[in-house]
PDB file of N, CA and C in Angstrom:
ATOM      1  N   MET A   1      28.110  46.132 121.431  1.00  0.00           N
ATOM      2  CA  MET A   1      26.974  46.870 121.921  1.00  0.00           C
ATOM      3  C   MET A   1      26.347  47.704 120.802  1.00  0.00           C
ATOM      4  N   THR A   2      27.171  48.315 119.966  1.00  0.00           N
ATOM      5  CA  THR A   2      26.624  49.115 118.874  1.00  0.00           C
ATOM      6  C   THR A   2      25.894  48.237 117.871  1.00  0.00           C
ATOM      7  N   HIS A   3      26.346  46.972 117.728  1.00  0.00           N
ATOM      8  CA  HIS A   3      25.662  46.047 116.822  1.00  0.00           C
ATOM      9  C   HIS A   3      24.231  45.789 117.306  1.00  0.00           C
ATOM     10  N   SER A   4      24.045  45.621 118.617  1.00  0.00           N
ATOM     11  CA  SER A   4      22.708  45.361 119.159  1.00  0.00           C
ATOM     12  C   SER A   4      21.817  46.604 119.057  1.00  0.00           C
ATOM     13  N   VAL A   5      22.410  47.807 119.181  1.00  0.00           N
ATOM     14  CA  VAL A   5      21.638  49.042 119.038  1.00  0.00           C
ATOM     15  C   VAL A   5      21.162  49.179 117.598  1.00  0.00           C
ATOM     16  N   LYS A   6      22.034  48.882 116.622  1.00  0.00           N
ATOM     17  CA  LYS A   6      21.654  48.951 115.212  1.00  0.00           C
ATOM     18  C   LYS A   6      20.553  47.942 114.908  1.00  0.00           C
ATOM     19  N   LYS A   7      20.689  46.748 115.470  1.00  0.00           N
ATOM     20  CA  LYS A   7      19.696  45.705 115.249  1.00  0.00           C
ATOM     21  C   LYS A   7      18.335  46.131 115.825  1.00  0.00           C
ATOM     22  N   MET A   8      18.352  46.733 117.014  1.00  0.00           N
ATOM     23  CA  MET A   8      17.126  47.196 117.666  1.00  0.00           C
ATOM     24  C   MET A   8      16.486  48.322 116.854  1.00  0.00           C
ATOM     25  N   ALA A   9      17.288  49.229 116.305  1.00  0.00           N
ATOM     26  CA  ALA A   9      16.774  50.328 115.495  1.00  0.00           C
ATOM     27  C   ALA A   9      16.095  49.786 114.242  1.00  0.00           C
ATOM     28  N   LYS A  10      16.682  48.754 113.620  1.00  0.00           N
ATOM     29  CA  LYS A  10      16.088  48.150 112.426  1.00  0.00           C
ATOM     30  C   LYS A  10      14.739  47.509 112.767  1.00  0.00           C
ATOM     31  N   VAL A  11      14.662  46.849 113.894  1.00  0.00           N
ATOM     32  CA  VAL A  11      13.419  46.203 114.318  1.00  0.00           C
ATOM     33  C   VAL A  11      12.331  47.261 114.553  1.00  0.00           C
ATOM     34  N   VAL A  12      12.678  48.356 115.222  1.00  0.00           N
ATOM     35  CA  VAL A  12      11.719  49.422 115.498  1.00  0.00           C
ATOM     36  C   VAL A  12      11.240  50.044 114.192  1.00  0.00           C
ATOM     37  N   LEU A  13      12.154  50.289 113.261  1.00  0.00           N
ATOM     38  CA  LEU A  13      11.795  50.844 111.960  1.00  0.00           C
ATOM     39  C   LEU A  13      10.865  49.906 111.199  1.00  0.00           C
ATOM     40  N   ALA A  14      11.170  48.620 111.220  1.00  0.00           N
ATOM     41  CA  ALA A  14      10.336  47.638 110.516  1.00  0.00           C
ATOM     42  C   ALA A  14       8.938  47.579 111.129  1.00  0.00           C
ATOM     43  N   LEU A  15       8.836  47.592 112.449  1.00  0.00           N
ATOM     44  CA  LEU A  15       7.533  47.565 113.112  1.00  0.00           C
ATOM     45  C   LEU A  15       6.731  48.829 112.814  1.00  0.00           C
ATOM     46  N   THR A  16       7.404  49.975 112.771  1.00  0.00           N
ATOM     47  CA  THR A  16       6.732  51.229 112.458  1.00  0.00           C
ATOM     48  C   THR A  16       6.156  51.198 111.046  1.00  0.00           C
ATOM     49  N   ALA A  17       6.954  50.722 110.086  1.00  0.00           N
ATOM     50  CA  ALA A  17       6.500  50.641 108.697  1.00  0.00           C
ATOM     51  C   ALA A  17       5.341  49.663 108.570  1.00  0.00           C
ATOM     52  N   LEU A  18       5.432  48.529 109.253  1.00  0.00           N
ATOM     53  CA  LEU A  18       4.375  47.521 109.208  1.00  0.00           C
ATOM     54  C   LEU A  18       3.080  48.067 109.804  1.00  0.00           C
ATOM     55  N   THR A  19       3.168  48.750 110.935  1.00  0.00           N
ATOM     56  CA  THR A  19       1.985  49.331 111.587  1.00  0.00           C
ATOM     57  C   THR A  19       1.324  50.369 110.691  1.00  0.00           C
ATOM     58  N   ALA A  20       2.132  51.214 110.050  1.00  0.00           N
ATOM     59  CA  ALA A  20       1.587  52.245 109.173  1.00  0.00           C
ATOM     60  C   ALA A  20       0.874  51.626 107.975  1.00  0.00           C
ATOM     61  N   SER A  21       1.448  50.585 107.405  1.00  0.00           N
ATOM     62  CA  SER A  21       0.812  49.979 106.230  1.00  0.00           C
ATOM     63  C   SER A  21      -0.469  49.239 106.617  1.00  0.00           C
ATOM     64  N   VAL A  22      -0.499  48.576 107.760  1.00  0.00           N
ATOM     65  CA  VAL A  22      -1.704  47.879 108.215  1.00  0.00           C
ATOM     66  C   VAL A  22      -2.810  48.888 108.511  1.00  0.00           C
ATOM     67  N   THR A  23      -2.459  49.999 109.141  1.00  0.00           N
ATOM     68  CA  THR A  23      -3.444  51.032 109.451  1.00  0.00           C
ATOM     69  C   THR A  23      -4.027  51.629 108.182  1.00  0.00           C
ATOM     70  N   ALA A  24      -3.169  51.915 107.206  1.00  0.00           N
ATOM     71  CA  ALA A  24      -3.642  52.480 105.938  1.00  0.00           C
ATOM     72  C   ALA A  24      -4.551  51.497 105.216  1.00  0.00           C
ATOM     73  N   PHE A  25      -4.174  50.225 105.197  1.00  0.00           N
ATOM     74  CA  PHE A  25      -4.985  49.208 104.537  1.00  0.00           C
ATOM     75  C   PHE A  25      -6.340  49.058 105.231  1.00  0.00           C
ATOM     76  N   ALA A  26      -6.326  49.046 106.561  1.00  0.00           N
ATOM     77  CA  ALA A  26      -7.573  48.871 107.319  1.00  0.00           C
ATOM     78  C   ALA A  26      -8.526  50.028 107.080  1.00  0.00           C
ATOM     79  N   SER A  27      -8.018  51.267 107.048  1.00  0.00           N
ATOM     80  CA  SER A  27      -8.913  52.396 106.856  1.00  0.00           C
ATOM     81  C   SER A  27      -9.449  52.448 105.427  1.00  0.00           C
ATOM     82  N   GLN A  28      -8.662  52.004 104.446  1.00  0.00           N
ATOM     83  CA  GLN A  28      -9.137  51.988 103.058  1.00  0.00           C
ATOM     84  C   GLN A  28     -10.169  50.896 102.847  1.00  0.00           C
ATOM     85  N   SER A  29      -9.927  49.723 103.405  1.00  0.00           N
ATOM     86  CA  SER A  29     -10.838  48.610 103.169  1.00  0.00           C
ATOM     87  C   SER A  29     -12.115  48.714 103.988  1.00  0.00           C
ATOM     88  N   SER A  30     -12.116  49.477 105.061  1.00  0.00           N
ATOM     89  CA  SER A  30     -13.330  49.603 105.878  1.00  0.00           C
ATOM     90  C   SER A  30     -14.261  50.683 105.350  1.00  0.00           C
ATOM     91  N   GLY A  31     -13.808  51.475 104.412  1.00  0.00           N
ATOM     92  CA  GLY A  31     -14.649  52.519 103.848  1.00  0.00           C
ATOM     93  C   GLY A  31     -14.787  53.730 104.744  1.00  0.00           C
ATOM     94  N   MET A  32     -14.020  53.800 105.809  1.00  0.00           N
ATOM     95  CA  MET A  32     -14.089  54.942 106.718  1.00  0.00           C
ATOM     96  C   MET A  32     -13.400  56.141 106.084  1.00  0.00           C
ATOM     97  N   LYS A  33     -13.977  57.306 106.296  1.00  0.00           N
ATOM     98  CA  LYS A  33     -13.358  58.523 105.806  1.00  0.00           C
ATOM     99  C   LYS A  33     -12.374  59.041 106.839  1.00  0.00           C
ATOM    100  N   GLN A  34     -11.371  59.694 106.366  1.00  0.00           N
ATOM    101  CA  GLN A  34     -10.381  60.287 107.261  1.00  0.00           C
ATOM    102  C   GLN A  34     -11.036  61.413 108.064  1.00  0.00           C
ATOM    103  N   ALA A  35     -10.721  61.491 109.315  1.00  0.00           N
ATOM    104  CA  ALA A  35     -11.255  62.555 110.153  1.00  0.00           C
ATOM    105  C   ALA A  35     -10.442  63.821 109.940  1.00  0.00           C
ATOM    106  N   HIS A  36     -11.132  64.948 109.919  1.00  0.00           N
ATOM    107  CA  HIS A  36     -10.438  66.221 109.798  1.00  0.00           C
ATOM    108  C   HIS A  36     -10.048  66.679 111.185  1.00  0.00           C
ATOM    109  N   THR A  37      -8.958  67.383 111.256  1.00  0.00           N
ATOM    110  CA  THR A  37      -8.504  67.873 112.553  1.00  0.00           C
ATOM    111  C   THR A  37      -8.690  69.374 112.613  1.00  0.00           C
ATOM    112  N   GLY A  38      -8.721  69.890 113.804  1.00  0.00           N
ATOM    113  CA  GLY A  38      -8.867  71.328 113.990  1.00  0.00           C
ATOM    114  C   GLY A  38      -8.800  71.670 115.460  1.00  0.00           C
ATOM    115  N   VAL A  39      -8.904  72.927 115.731  1.00  0.00           N
ATOM    116  CA  VAL A  39      -8.837  73.413 117.101  1.00  0.00           C
ATOM    117  C   VAL A  39     -10.083  74.242 117.373  1.00  0.00           C
ATOM    118  N   ILE A  40     -10.710  74.011 118.497  1.00  0.00           N
ATOM    119  CA  ILE A  40     -11.877  74.787 118.918  1.00  0.00           C
ATOM    120  C   ILE A  40     -11.462  75.585 120.149  1.00  0.00           C
ATOM    121  N   HIS A  41     -11.705  76.875 120.114  1.00  0.00           N
ATOM    122  CA  HIS A  41     -11.375  77.738 121.247  1.00  0.00           C
ATOM    123  C   HIS A  41     -12.656  78.211 121.908  1.00  0.00           C
ATOM    124  N   PHE A  42     -12.738  78.082 123.228  1.00  0.00           N
ATOM    125  CA  PHE A  42     -13.868  78.585 123.995  1.00  0.00           C
ATOM    126  C   PHE A  42     -13.371  79.744 124.846  1.00  0.00           C
ATOM    127  N   THR A  43     -14.122  80.829 124.858  1.00  0.00           N
ATOM    128  CA  THR A  43     -13.778  81.945 125.719  1.00  0.00           C
ATOM    129  C   THR A  43     -15.023  82.354 126.492  1.00  0.00           C
ATOM    130  N   GLY A  44     -14.807  83.025 127.609  1.00  0.00           N
ATOM    131  CA  GLY A  44     -15.921  83.490 128.422  1.00  0.00           C
ATOM    132  C   GLY A  44     -15.870  82.852 129.797  1.00  0.00           C
ATOM    133  N   SER A  45     -16.917  83.049 130.533  1.00  0.00           N
ATOM    134  CA  SER A  45     -16.985  82.473 131.875  1.00  0.00           C
ATOM    135  C   SER A  45     -18.437  82.224 132.246  1.00  0.00           C
ATOM    136  N   ILE A  46     -18.617  81.317 133.175  1.00  0.00           N
ATOM    137  CA  ILE A  46     -19.946  81.035 133.708  1.00  0.00           C
ATOM    138  C   ILE A  46     -19.995  81.689 135.080  1.00  0.00           C
ATOM    139  N   VAL A  47     -20.900  82.633 135.229  1.00  0.00           N
ATOM    140  CA  VAL A  47     -20.957  83.381 136.482  1.00  0.00           C
ATOM    141  C   VAL A  47     -22.391  83.392 136.986  1.00  0.00           C
ATOM    142  N   ALA A  48     -22.543  83.041 138.223  1.00  0.00           N
ATOM    143  CA  ALA A  48     -23.853  83.098 138.861  1.00  0.00           C
ATOM    144  C   ALA A  48     -23.648  83.664 140.260  1.00  0.00           C
ATOM    145  N   PRO A  49     -24.449  84.633 140.654  1.00  0.00           N
ATOM    146  CA  PRO A  49     -24.279  85.199 141.994  1.00  0.00           C
ATOM    147  C   PRO A  49     -24.685  84.182 143.056  1.00  0.00           C
ATOM    148  N   PRO A  50     -24.009  84.211 144.193  1.00  0.00           N
ATOM    149  CA  PRO A  50     -24.388  83.295 145.274  1.00  0.00           C
ATOM    150  C   PRO A  50     -25.696  83.735 145.918  1.00  0.00           C
ATOM    151  N   CYS A  51     -26.310  82.831 146.623  1.00  0.00           N
ATOM    152  CA  CYS A  51     -27.523  83.171 147.363  1.00  0.00           C
ATOM    153  C   CYS A  51     -27.139  84.045 148.562  1.00  0.00           C
ATOM    154  N   VAL A  52     -28.051  84.910 148.966  1.00  0.00           N
ATOM    155  CA  VAL A  52     -27.840  85.758 150.138  1.00  0.00           C
ATOM    156  C   VAL A  52     -28.519  85.071 151.316  1.00  0.00           C
ATOM    157  N   ILE A  53     -27.757  84.864 152.384  1.00  0.00           N
ATOM    158  CA  ILE A  53     -28.269  84.113 153.538  1.00  0.00           C
ATOM    159  C   ILE A  53     -28.189  85.002 154.776  1.00  0.00           C
ATOM    160  N   GLU A  54     -29.314  85.135 155.460  1.00  0.00           N
ATOM    161  CA  GLU A  54     -29.378  85.917 156.694  1.00  0.00           C
ATOM    162  C   GLU A  54     -30.108  85.114 157.753  1.00  0.00           C
ATOM    163  N   THR A  55     -29.765  85.361 159.013  1.00  0.00           N
ATOM    164  CA  THR A  55     -30.442  84.669 160.110  1.00  0.00           C
ATOM    165  C   THR A  55     -31.163  85.682 160.981  1.00  0.00           C
ATOM    166  N   SER A  56     -32.268  85.232 161.548  1.00  0.00           N
ATOM    167  CA  SER A  56     -33.046  86.047 162.467  1.00  0.00           C
ATOM    168  C   SER A  56     -33.657  85.093 163.485  1.00  0.00           C
ATOM    169  N   GLY A  57     -33.107  85.098 164.663  1.00  0.00           N
ATOM    170  CA  GLY A  57     -33.576  84.154 165.681  1.00  0.00           C
ATOM    171  C   GLY A  57     -33.280  82.733 165.244  1.00  0.00           C
ATOM    172  N   HIS A  58     -34.336  81.914 165.171  1.00  0.00           N
ATOM    173  CA  HIS A  58     -34.178  80.526 164.722  1.00  0.00           C
ATOM    174  C   HIS A  58     -34.530  80.360 163.250  1.00  0.00           C
ATOM    175  N   LYS A  59     -34.660  81.463 162.534  1.00  0.00           N
ATOM    176  CA  LYS A  59     -35.014  81.413 161.114  1.00  0.00           C
ATOM    177  C   LYS A  59     -33.787  81.701 160.246  1.00  0.00           C
ATOM    178  N   VAL A  60     -33.729  81.021 159.108  1.00  0.00           N
ATOM    179  CA  VAL A  60     -32.707  81.286 158.098  1.00  0.00           C
ATOM    180  C   VAL A  60     -33.438  81.755 156.851  1.00  0.00           C
ATOM    181  N   GLU A  61     -33.131  82.982 156.422  1.00  0.00           N
ATOM    182  CA  GLU A  61     -33.727  83.520 155.200  1.00  0.00           C
ATOM    183  C   GLU A  61     -32.705  83.409 154.080  1.00  0.00           C
ATOM    184  N   THR A  62     -33.109  82.780 152.996  1.00  0.00           N
ATOM    185  CA  THR A  62     -32.227  82.561 151.862  1.00  0.00           C
ATOM    186  C   THR A  62     -32.860  83.168 150.621  1.00  0.00           C
ATOM    187  N   GLN A  63     -32.100  84.018 149.947  1.00  0.00           N
ATOM    188  CA  GLN A  63     -32.568  84.663 148.717  1.00  0.00           C
ATOM    189  C   GLN A  63     -31.629  84.243 147.584  1.00  0.00           C
ATOM    190  N   CYS A  64     -32.217  83.655 146.526  1.00  0.00           N
ATOM    191  CA  CYS A  64     -31.427  83.208 145.382  1.00  0.00           C
ATOM    192  C   CYS A  64     -31.982  83.808 144.099  1.00  0.00           C
ATOM    193  N   TRP A  65     -31.086  84.063 143.174  1.00  0.00           N
ATOM    194  CA  TRP A  65     -31.469  84.616 141.880  1.00  0.00           C
ATOM    195  C   TRP A  65     -31.817  83.501 140.914  1.00  0.00           C
ATOM    196  N   HIS A  66     -32.807  83.760 140.091  1.00  0.00           N
ATOM    197  CA  HIS A  66     -33.160  82.850 139.009  1.00  0.00           C
ATOM    198  C   HIS A  66     -32.364  83.270 137.787  1.00  0.00           C
ATOM    199  N   ASP A  67     -32.235  82.384 136.815  1.00  0.00           N
ATOM    200  CA  ASP A  67     -31.472  82.686 135.609  1.00  0.00           C
ATOM    201  C   ASP A  67     -32.049  83.877 134.836  1.00  0.00           C
ATOM    202  N   ASN A  68     -33.341  84.161 135.014  1.00  0.00           N
ATOM    203  CA  ASN A  68     -33.964  85.283 134.301  1.00  0.00           C
ATOM    204  C   ASN A  68     -33.797  86.613 135.040  1.00  0.00           C
ATOM    205  N   GLY A  69     -33.107  86.595 136.187  1.00  0.00           N
ATOM    206  CA  GLY A  69     -32.843  87.824 136.934  1.00  0.00           C
ATOM    207  C   GLY A  69     -33.744  88.048 138.123  1.00  0.00           C
ATOM    208  N   ASN A  70     -34.847  87.321 138.225  1.00  0.00           N
ATOM    209  CA  ASN A  70     -35.763  87.461 139.362  1.00  0.00           C
ATOM    210  C   ASN A  70     -35.180  86.776 140.589  1.00  0.00           C
ATOM    211  N   THR A  71     -35.586  87.249 141.757  1.00  0.00           N
ATOM    212  CA  THR A  71     -35.144  86.627 143.004  1.00  0.00           C
ATOM    213  C   THR A  71     -36.318  85.962 143.708  1.00  0.00           C
ATOM    214  N   LYS A  72     -35.988  84.996 144.526  1.00  0.00           N
ATOM    215  CA  LYS A  72     -36.991  84.315 145.346  1.00  0.00           C
ATOM    216  C   LYS A  72     -36.377  84.133 146.730  1.00  0.00           C
ATOM    217  N   THR A  73     -37.158  84.384 147.761  1.00  0.00           N
ATOM    218  CA  THR A  73     -36.690  84.277 149.134  1.00  0.00           C
ATOM    219  C   THR A  73     -37.541  83.264 149.882  1.00  0.00           C
ATOM    220  N   ILE A  74     -36.879  82.415 150.666  1.00  0.00           N
ATOM    221  CA  ILE A  74     -37.614  81.513 151.552  1.00  0.00           C
ATOM    222  C   ILE A  74     -37.078  81.695 152.970  1.00  0.00           C
ATOM    223  N   SER A  75     -37.937  81.433 153.938  1.00  0.00           N
ATOM    224  CA  SER A  75     -37.572  81.495 155.341  1.00  0.00           C
ATOM    225  C   SER A  75     -37.848  80.125 155.948  1.00  0.00           C
ATOM    226  N   VAL A  76     -36.822  79.529 156.538  1.00  0.00           N
ATOM    227  CA  VAL A  76     -36.939  78.173 157.083  1.00  0.00           C
ATOM    228  C   VAL A  76     -36.475  78.176 158.529  1.00  0.00           C
ATOM    229  N   ASP A  77     -37.217  77.498 159.380  1.00  0.00           N
ATOM    230  CA  ASP A  77     -36.808  77.332 160.780  1.00  0.00           C
ATOM    231  C   ASP A  77     -35.609  76.389 160.818  1.00  0.00           C
ATOM    232  N   VAL A  78     -34.653  76.693 161.676  1.00  0.00           N
ATOM    233  CA  VAL A  78     -33.429  75.893 161.779  1.00  0.00           C
ATOM    234  C   VAL A  78     -33.744  74.437 162.089  1.00  0.00           C
ATOM    235  N   THR A  79     -34.786  74.181 162.862  1.00  0.00           N
ATOM    236  CA  THR A  79     -35.120  72.795 163.204  1.00  0.00           C
ATOM    237  C   THR A  79     -35.526  71.990 161.972  1.00  0.00           C
ATOM    238  N   LYS A  80     -36.073  72.650 160.943  1.00  0.00           N
ATOM    239  CA  LYS A  80     -36.438  71.946 159.708  1.00  0.00           C
ATOM    240  C   LYS A  80     -35.220  71.653 158.837  1.00  0.00           C
ATOM    241  N   LEU A  81     -34.139  72.401 159.072  1.00  0.00           N
ATOM    242  CA  LEU A  81     -32.901  72.176 158.321  1.00  0.00           C
ATOM    243  C   LEU A  81     -32.013  71.119 158.966  1.00  0.00           C
ATOM    244  N   LYS A  82     -32.344  70.754 160.198  1.00  0.00           N
ATOM    245  CA  LYS A  82     -31.465  69.878 160.974  1.00  0.00           C
ATOM    246  C   LYS A  82     -31.304  68.503 160.330  1.00  0.00           C
ATOM    247  N   GLY A  83     -30.088  68.248 159.864  1.00  0.00           N
ATOM    248  CA  GLY A  83     -29.708  66.929 159.369  1.00  0.00           C
ATOM    249  C   GLY A  83     -30.297  66.498 158.041  1.00  0.00           C
ATOM    250  N   LYS A  84     -31.019  67.365 157.350  1.00  0.00           N
ATOM    251  CA  LYS A  84     -31.549  66.948 156.048  1.00  0.00           C
ATOM    252  C   LYS A  84     -31.389  68.076 155.039  1.00  0.00           C
ATOM    253  N   ASP A  85     -31.292  67.707 153.781  1.00  0.00           N
ATOM    254  CA  ASP A  85     -31.144  68.685 152.713  1.00  0.00           C
ATOM    255  C   ASP A  85     -32.489  69.339 152.408  1.00  0.00           C
ATOM    256  N   VAL A  86     -32.502  70.671 152.385  1.00  0.00           N
ATOM    257  CA  VAL A  86     -33.687  71.444 152.032  1.00  0.00           C
ATOM    258  C   VAL A  86     -33.333  72.245 150.780  1.00  0.00           C
ATOM    259  N   GLN A  87     -34.209  72.218 149.798  1.00  0.00           N
ATOM    260  CA  GLN A  87     -33.968  72.878 148.513  1.00  0.00           C
ATOM    261  C   GLN A  87     -33.825  74.386 148.681  1.00  0.00           C
ATOM    262  N   LEU A  88     -32.823  74.977 148.017  1.00  0.00           N
ATOM    263  CA  LEU A  88     -32.666  76.430 147.984  1.00  0.00           C
ATOM    264  C   LEU A  88     -33.717  77.029 147.043  1.00  0.00           C
ATOM    265  N   PRO A  89     -34.005  78.313 147.194  1.00  0.00           N
ATOM    266  CA  PRO A  89     -34.944  78.957 146.268  1.00  0.00           C
ATOM    267  C   PRO A  89     -34.438  78.851 144.823  1.00  0.00           C
ATOM    268  N   ASN A  90     -35.355  78.797 143.892  1.00  0.00           N
ATOM    269  CA  ASN A  90     -35.048  78.707 142.464  1.00  0.00           C
ATOM    270  C   ASN A  90     -34.194  77.487 142.112  1.00  0.00           C
ATOM    271  N   ASN A  91     -34.283  76.455 142.938  1.00  0.00           N
ATOM    272  CA  ASN A  91     -33.562  75.189 142.703  1.00  0.00           C
ATOM    273  C   ASN A  91     -32.079  75.383 142.437  1.00  0.00           C
ATOM    274  N   LYS A  92     -31.446  76.244 143.206  1.00  0.00           N
ATOM    275  CA  LYS A  92     -30.020  76.532 143.024  1.00  0.00           C
ATOM    276  C   LYS A  92     -29.121  75.570 143.788  1.00  0.00           C
ATOM    277  N   GLY A  93     -29.696  74.700 144.599  1.00  0.00           N
ATOM    278  CA  GLY A  93     -28.906  73.759 145.387  1.00  0.00           C
ATOM    279  C   GLY A  93     -29.662  73.357 146.641  1.00  0.00           C
ATOM    280  N   THR A  94     -28.903  72.980 147.663  1.00  0.00           N
ATOM    281  CA  THR A  94     -29.514  72.554 148.922  1.00  0.00           C
ATOM    282  C   THR A  94     -28.821  73.226 150.101  1.00  0.00           C
ATOM    283  N   GLN A  95     -29.532  73.235 151.224  1.00  0.00           N
ATOM    284  CA  GLN A  95     -28.992  73.762 152.476  1.00  0.00           C
ATOM    285  C   GLN A  95     -29.356  72.806 153.600  1.00  0.00           C
ATOM    286  N   LYS A  96     -28.507  72.737 154.614  1.00  0.00           N
ATOM    287  CA  LYS A  96     -28.834  71.941 155.798  1.00  0.00           C
ATOM    288  C   LYS A  96     -28.065  72.475 156.992  1.00  0.00           C
ATOM    289  N   PHE A  97     -28.479  72.074 158.171  1.00  0.00           N
ATOM    290  CA  PHE A  97     -27.870  72.541 159.413  1.00  0.00           C
ATOM    291  C   PHE A  97     -27.666  71.351 160.349  1.00  0.00           C
ATOM    292  N   ASN A  98     -26.519  71.311 161.004  1.00  0.00           N
ATOM    293  CA  ASN A  98     -26.217  70.268 161.992  1.00  0.00           C
ATOM    294  C   ASN A  98     -25.518  70.895 163.191  1.00  0.00           C
ATOM    295  N   TRP A  99     -25.969  70.513 164.381  1.00  0.00           N
ATOM    296  CA  TRP A  99     -25.249  70.921 165.583  1.00  0.00           C
ATOM    297  C   TRP A  99     -23.949  70.122 165.641  1.00  0.00           C
ATOM    298  N   ILE A 100     -22.875  70.778 166.063  1.00  0.00           N
ATOM    299  CA  ILE A 100     -21.601  70.059 166.128  1.00  0.00           C
ATOM    300  C   ILE A 100     -21.081  69.920 167.563  1.00  0.00           C
ATOM    301  N   ASN A 101     -21.896  70.332 168.562  1.00  0.00           N
ATOM    302  CA  ASN A 101     -21.546  70.050 169.952  1.00  0.00           C
ATOM    303  C   ASN A 101     -22.798  69.605 170.706  1.00  0.00           C
ATOM    304  N   LYS A 102     -22.603  68.997 171.850  1.00  0.00           N
ATOM    305  CA  LYS A 102     -23.716  68.433 172.613  1.00  0.00           C
ATOM    306  C   LYS A 102     -24.638  69.501 173.194  1.00  0.00           C
ATOM    307  N   ASP A 103     -24.108  70.705 173.448  1.00  0.00           N
ATOM    308  CA  ASP A 103     -24.893  71.775 174.048  1.00  0.00           C
ATOM    309  C   ASP A 103     -25.778  72.507 173.044  1.00  0.00           C
ATOM    310  N   ASN A 104     -25.702  72.137 171.782  1.00  0.00           N
ATOM    311  CA  ASN A 104     -26.452  72.812 170.711  1.00  0.00           C
ATOM    312  C   ASN A 104     -26.215  74.331 170.708  1.00  0.00           C
ATOM    313  N   LYS A 105     -24.949  74.700 170.899  1.00  0.00           N
ATOM    314  CA  LYS A 105     -24.577  76.114 170.854  1.00  0.00           C
ATOM    315  C   LYS A 105     -23.679  76.419 169.653  1.00  0.00           C
ATOM    316  N   LEU A 106     -23.189  75.371 169.021  1.00  0.00           N
ATOM    317  CA  LEU A 106     -22.311  75.556 167.872  1.00  0.00           C
ATOM    318  C   LEU A 106     -22.807  74.648 166.747  1.00  0.00           C
ATOM    319  N   GLY A 107     -23.120  75.259 165.610  1.00  0.00           N
ATOM    320  CA  GLY A 107     -23.666  74.488 164.506  1.00  0.00           C
ATOM    321  C   GLY A 107     -22.942  74.762 163.205  1.00  0.00           C
ATOM    322  N   LEU A 108     -23.215  73.919 162.244  1.00  0.00           N
ATOM    323  CA  LEU A 108     -22.627  74.033 160.921  1.00  0.00           C
ATOM    324  C   LEU A 108     -23.738  74.111 159.885  1.00  0.00           C
ATOM    325  N   TYR A 109     -23.796  75.231 159.189  1.00  0.00           N
ATOM    326  CA  TYR A 109     -24.789  75.469 158.134  1.00  0.00           C
ATOM    327  C   TYR A 109     -24.075  75.213 156.810  1.00  0.00           C
ATOM    328  N   THR A 110     -24.605  74.329 155.998  1.00  0.00           N
ATOM    329  CA  THR A 110     -23.954  73.935 154.744  1.00  0.00           C
ATOM    330  C   THR A 110     -24.843  74.266 153.564  1.00  0.00           C
ATOM    331  N   VAL A 111     -24.251  74.928 152.568  1.00  0.00           N
ATOM    332  CA  VAL A 111     -24.944  75.238 151.315  1.00  0.00           C
ATOM    333  C   VAL A 111     -24.180  74.534 150.184  1.00  0.00           C
ATOM    334  N   VAL A 112     -24.905  73.790 149.372  1.00  0.00           N
ATOM    335  CA  VAL A 112     -24.322  73.114 148.213  1.00  0.00           C
ATOM    336  C   VAL A 112     -25.035  73.629 146.974  1.00  0.00           C
ATOM    337  N   TYR A 113     -24.273  74.283 146.096  1.00  0.00           N
ATOM    338  CA  TYR A 113     -24.855  74.808 144.849  1.00  0.00           C
ATOM    339  C   TYR A 113     -24.804  73.740 143.766  1.00  0.00           C
ATOM    340  N   ASP A 114     -25.878  73.653 142.972  1.00  0.00           N
ATOM    341  CA  ASP A 114     -25.920  72.710 141.860  1.00  0.00           C
ATOM    342  C   ASP A 114     -25.348  73.357 140.619  1.00  0.00           C
TER     343      ASP A 114
END
C-alpha cells in the first residue's frame, strides 16, 4: 500500500511540475504581461430614506425624497392602484394595491423600491 502511495505522490508531483512549466511557457510566448495583485477595501454605506405613505379615505398619499434632498408627493386613488404598478414619486420604485378577500375589506398594498 505504501508503494502505491509513493507512486501516486510522484505522479502528482510530475503533473504539477508539467502544468507549471506549460503555464510559464504559454504566458511568455503569448506576450501577456503578468497581472499585479492587490486588495481593494470599500467602506461606507448606501442609505436612502423610505417613502412616507399615508391614507385618507380611498386616497394613498406617497412622499418620496429625491437624491438632491427635495421631496415630491403624489396622491392616488386606490382604484387606480388596483392590480397594476404605479410609479412612486421621484422614480423611487412602484406601488400597487390588491384586494385579498371577496368582500373587498382586506387589501395588500405593495411598495417595491428600485
